[in-house]
Amino acid sequence: MLKPGFEKQINLEECRRSEERESPARKIRAKIRFDYQGRARPSRFFFGKKSTEEAATELRQQQAALWRNVPVQGILIEDLEMGEIYFVFDDDVGAEVAYAPLELEVWADSLCYLVRFAVREEFRRLKIMEPAQISLSMQDMEQVFFEVHDQAKTQVMLKARKYQD
């Protein structure tokens, strides 16, 4: 004999639809592009000289290894794609500079986790692939703005420390 209340038939399709309506916190799928700049190193004695292309490739390889192996809170890195190295003439340096592109395909728990990618110096583009529309509550917007402020402050502090040394 069944307990009272368990004799009712349950429609699984109806349960799935109600779950989708109740859970607005869907993950965000995005593609993020970074372009790592190669800075040529002068040679020490007769060896050790690296061209801008070699320096850009080496920096991109190091960063790709970090993205693959170091977990980032709220982010799941699905795929890494390395693009072709390209050259741009830089007026400040007075020579051609090599850039090595790297595209990350990620799943983010919320929009504020994507902010930490956008404040990096190497950041070039962020394309949100899923969902087609995102609605933010007031609390979500506050979190995004706080994260932008926090990450920007951290970047400024790191730059100041770099130039003081």
N, C-alpha and C. Protein backbone atom coordinates (compact mmCIF):
# COMPACT_ATOMS: atom_id res chain seq x y z
N MET A 1 0.83 -1.17 0.00
CA MET A 1 0.00 0.00 0.00
C MET A 1 0.88 1.25 0.00
N LEU A 2 0.51 2.26 -0.80
CA LEU A 2 1.25 3.50 -0.91
C LEU A 2 0.84 4.49 0.16
N LYS A 3 1.78 5.32 0.55
CA LYS A 3 1.46 6.38 1.49
C LYS A 3 0.53 7.38 0.83
N PRO A 4 -0.27 8.05 1.60
CA PRO A 4 -1.18 9.06 1.03
C PRO A 4 -0.37 10.14 0.31
N GLY A 5 -0.82 10.52 -0.89
CA GLY A 5 -0.14 11.55 -1.67
C GLY A 5 0.74 10.99 -2.76
N PHE A 6 1.07 9.68 -2.73
CA PHE A 6 1.93 9.08 -3.72
C PHE A 6 1.16 8.37 -4.84
N GLU A 7 -0.14 8.40 -4.79
CA GLU A 7 -0.91 7.72 -5.82
C GLU A 7 -1.08 8.58 -7.07
N LYS A 8 -0.65 9.83 -7.04
CA LYS A 8 -0.79 10.74 -8.18
C LYS A 8 0.28 10.43 -9.23
N GLN A 9 -0.09 10.41 -10.51
CA GLN A 9 0.84 10.19 -11.62
C GLN A 9 1.66 11.46 -11.85
N ILE A 10 2.94 11.29 -12.16
CA ILE A 10 3.82 12.43 -12.39
C ILE A 10 4.23 12.45 -13.85
N ASN A 11 4.09 13.60 -14.49
CA ASN A 11 4.49 13.79 -15.88
C ASN A 11 5.92 14.36 -15.88
N LEU A 12 6.87 13.60 -16.45
CA LEU A 12 8.27 14.02 -16.42
C LEU A 12 8.52 15.26 -17.28
N GLU A 13 7.85 15.38 -18.43
CA GLU A 13 8.02 16.55 -19.28
C GLU A 13 7.61 17.83 -18.54
N GLU A 14 6.52 17.74 -17.80
CA GLU A 14 6.05 18.89 -17.04
C GLU A 14 7.06 19.29 -15.96
N CYS A 15 7.67 18.31 -15.33
CA CYS A 15 8.69 18.58 -14.30
C CYS A 15 9.90 19.26 -14.91
N ARG A 16 10.33 18.80 -16.09
CA ARG A 16 11.50 19.41 -16.75
C ARG A 16 11.23 20.86 -17.12
N ARG A 17 10.03 21.12 -17.66
CA ARG A 17 9.68 22.49 -18.03
C ARG A 17 9.64 23.41 -16.81
N SER A 18 9.11 22.92 -15.72
CA SER A 18 9.05 23.75 -14.52
C SER A 18 10.44 24.00 -13.95
N GLU A 19 11.36 23.03 -14.08
CA GLU A 19 12.74 23.23 -13.64
C GLU A 19 13.41 24.32 -14.45
N GLU A 20 13.18 24.29 -15.78
CA GLU A 20 13.79 25.30 -16.64
C GLU A 20 13.28 26.69 -16.30
N ARG A 21 12.00 26.81 -15.97
CA ARG A 21 11.43 28.11 -15.62
C ARG A 21 11.96 28.60 -14.28
N GLU A 22 12.20 27.69 -13.34
CA GLU A 22 12.63 28.07 -11.99
C GLU A 22 14.10 28.40 -11.90
N SER A 23 14.93 27.87 -12.80
CA SER A 23 16.38 28.08 -12.69
C SER A 23 16.86 29.09 -13.72
N PRO A 24 16.80 30.40 -13.39
CA PRO A 24 17.28 31.41 -14.32
C PRO A 24 18.80 31.49 -14.37
N ALA A 25 19.48 30.91 -13.41
CA ALA A 25 20.94 30.98 -13.33
C ALA A 25 21.55 29.93 -14.25
N ARG A 26 21.50 30.20 -15.55
CA ARG A 26 22.11 29.30 -16.51
C ARG A 26 23.56 29.71 -16.72
N LYS A 27 24.35 28.77 -17.14
CA LYS A 27 25.75 29.07 -17.40
C LYS A 27 25.87 29.86 -18.70
N ILE A 28 26.94 30.62 -18.79
CA ILE A 28 27.20 31.46 -19.96
C ILE A 28 28.37 30.88 -20.72
N ARG A 29 28.18 30.65 -21.99
CA ARG A 29 29.24 30.13 -22.85
C ARG A 29 29.81 31.30 -23.64
N ALA A 30 31.13 31.46 -23.60
CA ALA A 30 31.75 32.61 -24.25
C ALA A 30 33.07 32.22 -24.88
N LYS A 31 33.46 33.00 -25.88
CA LYS A 31 34.77 32.87 -26.51
C LYS A 31 35.55 34.14 -26.19
N ILE A 32 36.75 33.97 -25.65
CA ILE A 32 37.57 35.11 -25.24
C ILE A 32 38.88 35.05 -26.01
N ARG A 33 39.27 36.19 -26.57
CA ARG A 33 40.51 36.23 -27.35
C ARG A 33 41.54 37.12 -26.65
N PHE A 34 42.73 36.57 -26.54
CA PHE A 34 43.87 37.30 -26.02
C PHE A 34 44.93 37.35 -27.11
N ASP A 35 45.63 38.48 -27.24
CA ASP A 35 46.76 38.60 -28.16
C ASP A 35 48.00 38.92 -27.33
N TYR A 36 48.90 37.95 -27.28
CA TYR A 36 50.12 38.12 -26.47
C TYR A 36 51.21 38.75 -27.31
N GLN A 37 51.75 39.87 -26.80
CA GLN A 37 52.76 40.63 -27.52
C GLN A 37 54.14 40.08 -27.23
N GLY A 38 54.91 39.90 -28.30
CA GLY A 38 56.28 39.42 -28.15
C GLY A 38 57.24 40.60 -28.03
N ARG A 39 58.05 40.59 -27.01
CA ARG A 39 59.07 41.61 -26.84
C ARG A 39 60.43 40.96 -27.02
N ALA A 40 61.17 41.45 -28.00
CA ALA A 40 62.48 40.86 -28.30
C ALA A 40 63.44 41.10 -27.14
N ARG A 41 64.22 40.07 -26.84
CA ARG A 41 65.22 40.20 -25.78
C ARG A 41 66.60 40.34 -26.44
N PRO A 42 67.40 41.26 -25.93
CA PRO A 42 68.75 41.39 -26.49
C PRO A 42 69.60 40.18 -26.12
N SER A 43 70.59 39.91 -26.95
CA SER A 43 71.42 38.73 -26.70
C SER A 43 72.40 39.00 -25.57
N ARG A 44 72.68 37.95 -24.83
CA ARG A 44 73.72 37.99 -23.81
C ARG A 44 74.92 37.25 -24.38
N PHE A 45 75.98 37.95 -24.53
CA PHE A 45 77.19 37.44 -25.18
C PHE A 45 76.83 37.01 -26.60
N PHE A 46 76.91 35.72 -26.94
CA PHE A 46 76.62 35.29 -28.31
C PHE A 46 75.38 34.42 -28.43
N PHE A 47 74.65 34.25 -27.35
CA PHE A 47 73.47 33.39 -27.40
C PHE A 47 72.35 34.00 -26.56
N GLY A 48 71.16 33.49 -26.75
CA GLY A 48 70.04 33.94 -25.94
C GLY A 48 69.14 34.97 -26.59
N LYS A 49 69.49 35.43 -27.79
CA LYS A 49 68.65 36.44 -28.44
C LYS A 49 67.37 35.78 -28.94
N LYS A 50 66.23 36.45 -28.70
CA LYS A 50 64.94 35.95 -29.18
C LYS A 50 64.28 37.03 -30.01
N SER A 51 63.72 36.61 -31.13
CA SER A 51 62.97 37.55 -31.95
C SER A 51 61.61 37.81 -31.32
N THR A 52 60.92 38.82 -31.83
CA THR A 52 59.59 39.11 -31.30
C THR A 52 58.63 37.95 -31.54
N GLU A 53 58.78 37.27 -32.67
CA GLU A 53 57.91 36.13 -32.96
C GLU A 53 58.14 34.98 -31.98
N GLU A 54 59.40 34.67 -31.69
CA GLU A 54 59.72 33.60 -30.73
C GLU A 54 59.24 33.97 -29.32
N ALA A 55 59.39 35.24 -28.95
CA ALA A 55 58.97 35.68 -27.62
C ALA A 55 57.44 35.61 -27.49
N ALA A 56 56.72 36.00 -28.54
CA ALA A 56 55.26 35.94 -28.51
C ALA A 56 54.78 34.49 -28.43
N THR A 57 55.41 33.61 -29.20
CA THR A 57 55.04 32.20 -29.18
C THR A 57 55.30 31.59 -27.81
N GLU A 58 56.44 31.90 -27.23
CA GLU A 58 56.79 31.36 -25.91
C GLU A 58 55.82 31.86 -24.83
N LEU A 59 55.48 33.15 -24.87
CA LEU A 59 54.55 33.72 -23.90
C LEU A 59 53.17 33.08 -24.04
N ARG A 60 52.73 32.89 -25.28
CA ARG A 60 51.42 32.26 -25.51
C ARG A 60 51.41 30.83 -25.00
N GLN A 61 52.49 30.09 -25.21
CA GLN A 61 52.57 28.71 -24.72
C GLN A 61 52.51 28.66 -23.20
N GLN A 62 53.21 29.58 -22.54
CA GLN A 62 53.17 29.64 -21.08
C GLN A 62 51.77 29.94 -20.57
N GLN A 63 51.12 30.91 -21.19
CA GLN A 63 49.78 31.28 -20.76
C GLN A 63 48.77 30.16 -21.04
N ALA A 64 48.92 29.47 -22.17
CA ALA A 64 48.02 28.35 -22.49
C ALA A 64 48.16 27.24 -21.46
N ALA A 65 49.40 26.98 -21.04
CA ALA A 65 49.62 25.96 -20.01
C ALA A 65 48.96 26.37 -18.69
N LEU A 66 49.05 27.66 -18.35
CA LEU A 66 48.38 28.15 -17.14
C LEU A 66 46.87 28.01 -17.25
N TRP A 67 46.30 28.40 -18.39
CA TRP A 67 44.84 28.30 -18.57
C TRP A 67 44.37 26.85 -18.48
N ARG A 68 45.18 25.92 -19.01
CA ARG A 68 44.80 24.50 -18.97
C ARG A 68 44.87 23.92 -17.56
N ASN A 69 45.88 24.30 -16.80
CA ASN A 69 46.20 23.60 -15.56
C ASN A 69 45.78 24.30 -14.27
N VAL A 70 45.58 25.60 -14.31
CA VAL A 70 45.24 26.32 -13.08
C VAL A 70 43.73 26.59 -13.09
N PRO A 71 43.01 26.08 -12.10
CA PRO A 71 41.56 26.31 -12.08
C PRO A 71 41.23 27.77 -11.76
N VAL A 72 40.16 28.26 -12.37
CA VAL A 72 39.69 29.62 -12.14
C VAL A 72 38.28 29.51 -11.57
N GLN A 73 38.03 30.20 -10.47
CA GLN A 73 36.74 30.10 -9.80
C GLN A 73 35.61 30.54 -10.72
N GLY A 74 34.57 29.70 -10.85
CA GLY A 74 33.40 30.02 -11.63
C GLY A 74 33.56 29.85 -13.12
N ILE A 75 34.72 29.36 -13.57
CA ILE A 75 35.01 29.23 -14.99
C ILE A 75 35.43 27.81 -15.31
N LEU A 76 34.89 27.26 -16.39
CA LEU A 76 35.32 25.97 -16.91
C LEU A 76 35.84 26.21 -18.31
N ILE A 77 37.12 25.97 -18.53
CA ILE A 77 37.73 26.19 -19.84
C ILE A 77 37.53 24.93 -20.66
N GLU A 78 36.78 25.09 -21.74
CA GLU A 78 36.41 23.96 -22.58
C GLU A 78 37.45 23.70 -23.67
N ASP A 79 37.95 24.76 -24.31
CA ASP A 79 38.84 24.58 -25.45
C ASP A 79 39.79 25.77 -25.55
N LEU A 80 41.00 25.52 -26.04
CA LEU A 80 41.98 26.56 -26.33
C LEU A 80 42.34 26.44 -27.80
N GLU A 81 42.37 27.57 -28.48
CA GLU A 81 42.71 27.58 -29.90
C GLU A 81 43.78 28.63 -30.14
N MET A 82 44.88 28.20 -30.74
CA MET A 82 45.98 29.12 -31.02
C MET A 82 45.92 29.55 -32.47
N GLY A 83 45.90 30.86 -32.67
CA GLY A 83 45.82 31.41 -34.03
C GLY A 83 47.20 31.66 -34.61
N GLU A 84 47.19 32.21 -35.81
CA GLU A 84 48.43 32.51 -36.51
C GLU A 84 49.05 33.79 -35.96
N ILE A 85 50.33 33.82 -35.85
CA ILE A 85 51.05 34.99 -35.36
C ILE A 85 50.98 36.08 -36.43
N TYR A 86 50.74 37.32 -36.01
CA TYR A 86 50.72 38.44 -36.95
C TYR A 86 51.61 39.56 -36.44
N PHE A 87 52.00 40.44 -37.34
CA PHE A 87 52.93 41.52 -37.03
C PHE A 87 52.27 42.87 -37.25
N VAL A 88 52.57 43.82 -36.35
CA VAL A 88 52.07 45.19 -36.43
C VAL A 88 53.24 46.12 -36.18
N PHE A 89 53.29 47.22 -36.94
CA PHE A 89 54.34 48.21 -36.70
C PHE A 89 53.95 49.07 -35.50
N ASP A 90 54.82 49.13 -34.50
CA ASP A 90 54.57 49.88 -33.27
C ASP A 90 55.39 51.16 -33.31
N ASP A 91 54.70 52.31 -33.25
CA ASP A 91 55.40 53.60 -33.30
C ASP A 91 56.25 53.85 -32.07
N ASP A 92 55.80 53.36 -30.90
CA ASP A 92 56.56 53.57 -29.66
C ASP A 92 57.91 52.87 -29.72
N VAL A 93 57.92 51.65 -30.24
CA VAL A 93 59.15 50.87 -30.31
C VAL A 93 59.94 51.23 -31.56
N GLY A 94 59.23 51.57 -32.62
CA GLY A 94 59.89 51.90 -33.89
C GLY A 94 60.22 50.67 -34.70
N ALA A 95 59.52 49.58 -34.46
CA ALA A 95 59.78 48.34 -35.19
C ALA A 95 58.50 47.50 -35.22
N GLU A 96 58.56 46.41 -35.97
CA GLU A 96 57.42 45.50 -36.01
C GLU A 96 57.37 44.68 -34.73
N VAL A 97 56.16 44.48 -34.24
CA VAL A 97 55.95 43.70 -33.02
C VAL A 97 55.05 42.52 -33.38
N ALA A 98 55.38 41.35 -32.85
CA ALA A 98 54.61 40.14 -33.12
C ALA A 98 53.55 39.94 -32.05
N TYR A 99 52.38 39.49 -32.48
CA TYR A 99 51.29 39.15 -31.56
C TYR A 99 50.86 37.71 -31.82
N ALA A 100 50.73 36.94 -30.74
CA ALA A 100 50.31 35.55 -30.82
C ALA A 100 48.92 35.42 -30.22
N PRO A 101 47.89 35.19 -31.04
CA PRO A 101 46.52 35.10 -30.52
C PRO A 101 46.22 33.75 -29.87
N LEU A 102 45.37 33.80 -28.85
CA LEU A 102 44.90 32.60 -28.15
C LEU A 102 43.43 32.81 -27.84
N GLU A 103 42.58 31.87 -28.27
CA GLU A 103 41.14 31.95 -27.99
C GLU A 103 40.75 30.88 -27.01
N LEU A 104 40.05 31.29 -25.96
CA LEU A 104 39.53 30.38 -24.95
C LEU A 104 38.03 30.24 -25.14
N GLU A 105 37.55 29.02 -25.09
CA GLU A 105 36.11 28.79 -25.08
C GLU A 105 35.78 28.35 -23.66
N VAL A 106 34.93 29.13 -22.98
CA VAL A 106 34.68 28.90 -21.56
C VAL A 106 33.20 28.82 -21.25
N TRP A 107 32.90 28.19 -20.12
CA TRP A 107 31.58 28.20 -19.50
C TRP A 107 31.74 28.95 -18.19
N ALA A 108 30.97 30.01 -17.99
CA ALA A 108 31.04 30.82 -16.78
C ALA A 108 29.76 30.66 -15.98
N ASP A 109 29.89 30.60 -14.66
CA ASP A 109 28.72 30.49 -13.79
C ASP A 109 27.87 31.76 -13.83
N SER A 110 28.51 32.91 -13.97
CA SER A 110 27.77 34.17 -14.07
C SER A 110 28.62 35.18 -14.84
N LEU A 111 28.00 36.30 -15.14
CA LEU A 111 28.65 37.33 -15.93
C LEU A 111 29.84 37.96 -15.21
N CYS A 112 29.77 38.05 -13.89
CA CYS A 112 30.85 38.71 -13.15
C CYS A 112 32.16 37.91 -13.21
N TYR A 113 32.08 36.60 -13.48
CA TYR A 113 33.31 35.81 -13.60
C TYR A 113 34.04 36.11 -14.91
N LEU A 114 33.34 36.64 -15.91
CA LEU A 114 33.97 36.99 -17.19
C LEU A 114 34.71 38.32 -17.12
N VAL A 115 34.42 39.12 -16.10
CA VAL A 115 35.05 40.44 -15.98
C VAL A 115 36.56 40.31 -15.81
N ARG A 116 37.00 39.31 -15.06
CA ARG A 116 38.44 39.19 -14.81
C ARG A 116 39.24 38.95 -16.09
N PHE A 117 38.58 38.44 -17.14
CA PHE A 117 39.26 38.29 -18.43
C PHE A 117 39.36 39.63 -19.15
N ALA A 118 38.32 40.44 -19.03
CA ALA A 118 38.24 41.70 -19.78
C ALA A 118 39.20 42.78 -19.29
N VAL A 119 39.69 42.68 -18.08
CA VAL A 119 40.58 43.73 -17.56
C VAL A 119 42.05 43.42 -17.81
N ARG A 120 42.33 42.29 -18.40
CA ARG A 120 43.73 41.95 -18.68
C ARG A 120 44.26 42.75 -19.86
N GLU A 121 45.55 43.02 -19.86
CA GLU A 121 46.17 43.82 -20.91
C GLU A 121 46.09 43.13 -22.27
N GLU A 122 46.15 41.81 -22.29
CA GLU A 122 46.16 41.05 -23.54
C GLU A 122 44.77 40.87 -24.13
N PHE A 123 43.73 41.25 -23.41
CA PHE A 123 42.35 41.03 -23.84
C PHE A 123 42.06 41.79 -25.12
N ARG A 124 41.39 41.10 -26.06
CA ARG A 124 41.00 41.74 -27.31
C ARG A 124 39.50 41.67 -27.57
N ARG A 125 38.87 40.51 -27.26
CA ARG A 125 37.46 40.36 -27.63
C ARG A 125 36.80 39.32 -26.74
N LEU A 126 35.51 39.53 -26.47
CA LEU A 126 34.70 38.56 -25.75
C LEU A 126 33.39 38.41 -26.52
N LYS A 127 33.08 37.19 -26.90
CA LYS A 127 31.85 36.92 -27.63
C LYS A 127 31.02 35.94 -26.82
N ILE A 128 29.81 36.36 -26.41
CA ILE A 128 28.93 35.47 -25.66
C ILE A 128 28.15 34.64 -26.67
N MET A 129 28.29 33.32 -26.58
CA MET A 129 27.68 32.42 -27.54
C MET A 129 26.33 31.87 -27.04
N GLU A 130 26.22 31.63 -25.76
CA GLU A 130 24.98 31.14 -25.16
C GLU A 130 24.82 31.81 -23.82
N PRO A 131 23.67 32.10 -23.38
CA PRO A 131 22.36 32.10 -24.00
C PRO A 131 22.19 33.31 -24.91
N ALA A 132 21.13 33.30 -25.70
CA ALA A 132 20.88 34.39 -26.64
C ALA A 132 20.54 35.68 -25.92
N GLN A 133 19.87 35.58 -24.77
CA GLN A 133 19.52 36.76 -23.98
C GLN A 133 19.88 36.51 -22.53
N ILE A 134 20.32 37.58 -21.87
CA ILE A 134 20.66 37.50 -20.46
C ILE A 134 19.90 38.60 -19.74
N SER A 135 19.22 38.24 -18.69
CA SER A 135 18.57 39.26 -17.87
C SER A 135 19.25 39.26 -16.51
N LEU A 136 19.53 40.46 -16.04
CA LEU A 136 20.24 40.61 -14.77
C LEU A 136 19.33 41.24 -13.73
N SER A 137 19.36 40.70 -12.55
CA SER A 137 18.65 41.31 -11.45
C SER A 137 19.50 42.46 -10.91
N MET A 138 18.94 43.24 -10.01
CA MET A 138 19.69 44.34 -9.42
C MET A 138 20.92 43.83 -8.68
N GLN A 139 20.77 42.71 -7.99
CA GLN A 139 21.89 42.14 -7.25
C GLN A 139 22.99 41.67 -8.21
N ASP A 140 22.61 41.06 -9.33
CA ASP A 140 23.60 40.63 -10.32
C ASP A 140 24.35 41.82 -10.90
N MET A 141 23.64 42.90 -11.19
CA MET A 141 24.29 44.11 -11.72
C MET A 141 25.26 44.69 -10.71
N GLU A 142 24.86 44.71 -9.44
CA GLU A 142 25.76 45.20 -8.40
C GLU A 142 27.02 44.36 -8.32
N GLN A 143 26.86 43.04 -8.43
CA GLN A 143 28.02 42.15 -8.39
C GLN A 143 28.95 42.40 -9.57
N VAL A 144 28.38 42.61 -10.76
CA VAL A 144 29.21 42.87 -11.95
C VAL A 144 29.98 44.16 -11.77
N PHE A 145 29.32 45.23 -11.33
CA PHE A 145 30.00 46.51 -11.14
C PHE A 145 31.06 46.42 -10.05
N PHE A 146 30.78 45.70 -8.99
CA PHE A 146 31.78 45.54 -7.93
C PHE A 146 32.99 44.77 -8.46
N GLU A 147 32.74 43.74 -9.26
CA GLU A 147 33.84 42.95 -9.82
C GLU A 147 34.69 43.79 -10.78
N VAL A 148 34.04 44.63 -11.60
CA VAL A 148 34.77 45.53 -12.50
C VAL A 148 35.66 46.46 -11.68
N HIS A 149 35.10 47.05 -10.64
CA HIS A 149 35.88 47.95 -9.78
C HIS A 149 37.05 47.21 -9.14
N ASP A 150 36.80 46.05 -8.59
CA ASP A 150 37.83 45.29 -7.89
C ASP A 150 38.95 44.87 -8.84
N GLN A 151 38.60 44.36 -10.00
CA GLN A 151 39.61 43.91 -10.95
C GLN A 151 40.41 45.09 -11.52
N ALA A 152 39.75 46.21 -11.81
CA ALA A 152 40.45 47.38 -12.31
C ALA A 152 41.43 47.92 -11.27
N LYS A 153 41.00 47.94 -10.01
CA LYS A 153 41.87 48.40 -8.93
C LYS A 153 43.09 47.48 -8.81
N THR A 154 42.87 46.19 -8.92
CA THR A 154 43.97 45.23 -8.84
C THR A 154 44.96 45.44 -9.99
N GLN A 155 44.45 45.65 -11.20
CA GLN A 155 45.32 45.87 -12.35
C GLN A 155 46.15 47.15 -12.20
N VAL A 156 45.53 48.21 -11.70
CA VAL A 156 46.26 49.46 -11.49
C VAL A 156 47.36 49.26 -10.46
N MET A 157 47.05 48.53 -9.39
CA MET A 157 48.05 48.28 -8.35
C MET A 157 49.21 47.45 -8.89
N LEU A 158 48.91 46.45 -9.71
CA LEU A 158 49.97 45.63 -10.29
C LEU A 158 50.86 46.43 -11.23
N LYS A 159 50.25 47.31 -12.03
CA LYS A 159 51.02 48.17 -12.94
C LYS A 159 51.91 49.12 -12.15
N ALA A 160 51.37 49.70 -11.10
CA ALA A 160 52.17 50.64 -10.28
C ALA A 160 53.35 49.91 -9.65
N ARG A 161 53.11 48.71 -9.16
CA ARG A 161 54.20 47.93 -8.56
C ARG A 161 55.26 47.56 -9.60
N LYS A 162 54.81 47.26 -10.83
CA LYS A 162 55.72 46.88 -11.89
C LYS A 162 56.65 48.04 -12.27
N TYR A 163 56.08 49.25 -12.34
CA TYR A 163 56.88 50.41 -12.74
C TYR A 163 57.70 50.98 -11.60
N GLN A 164 57.39 50.65 -10.36
CA GLN A 164 58.20 51.10 -9.23
C GLN A 164 59.50 50.30 -9.14
N ASP A 165 59.44 49.05 -9.55
CA ASP A 165 60.64 48.18 -9.47
C ASP A 165 61.64 48.47 -10.52
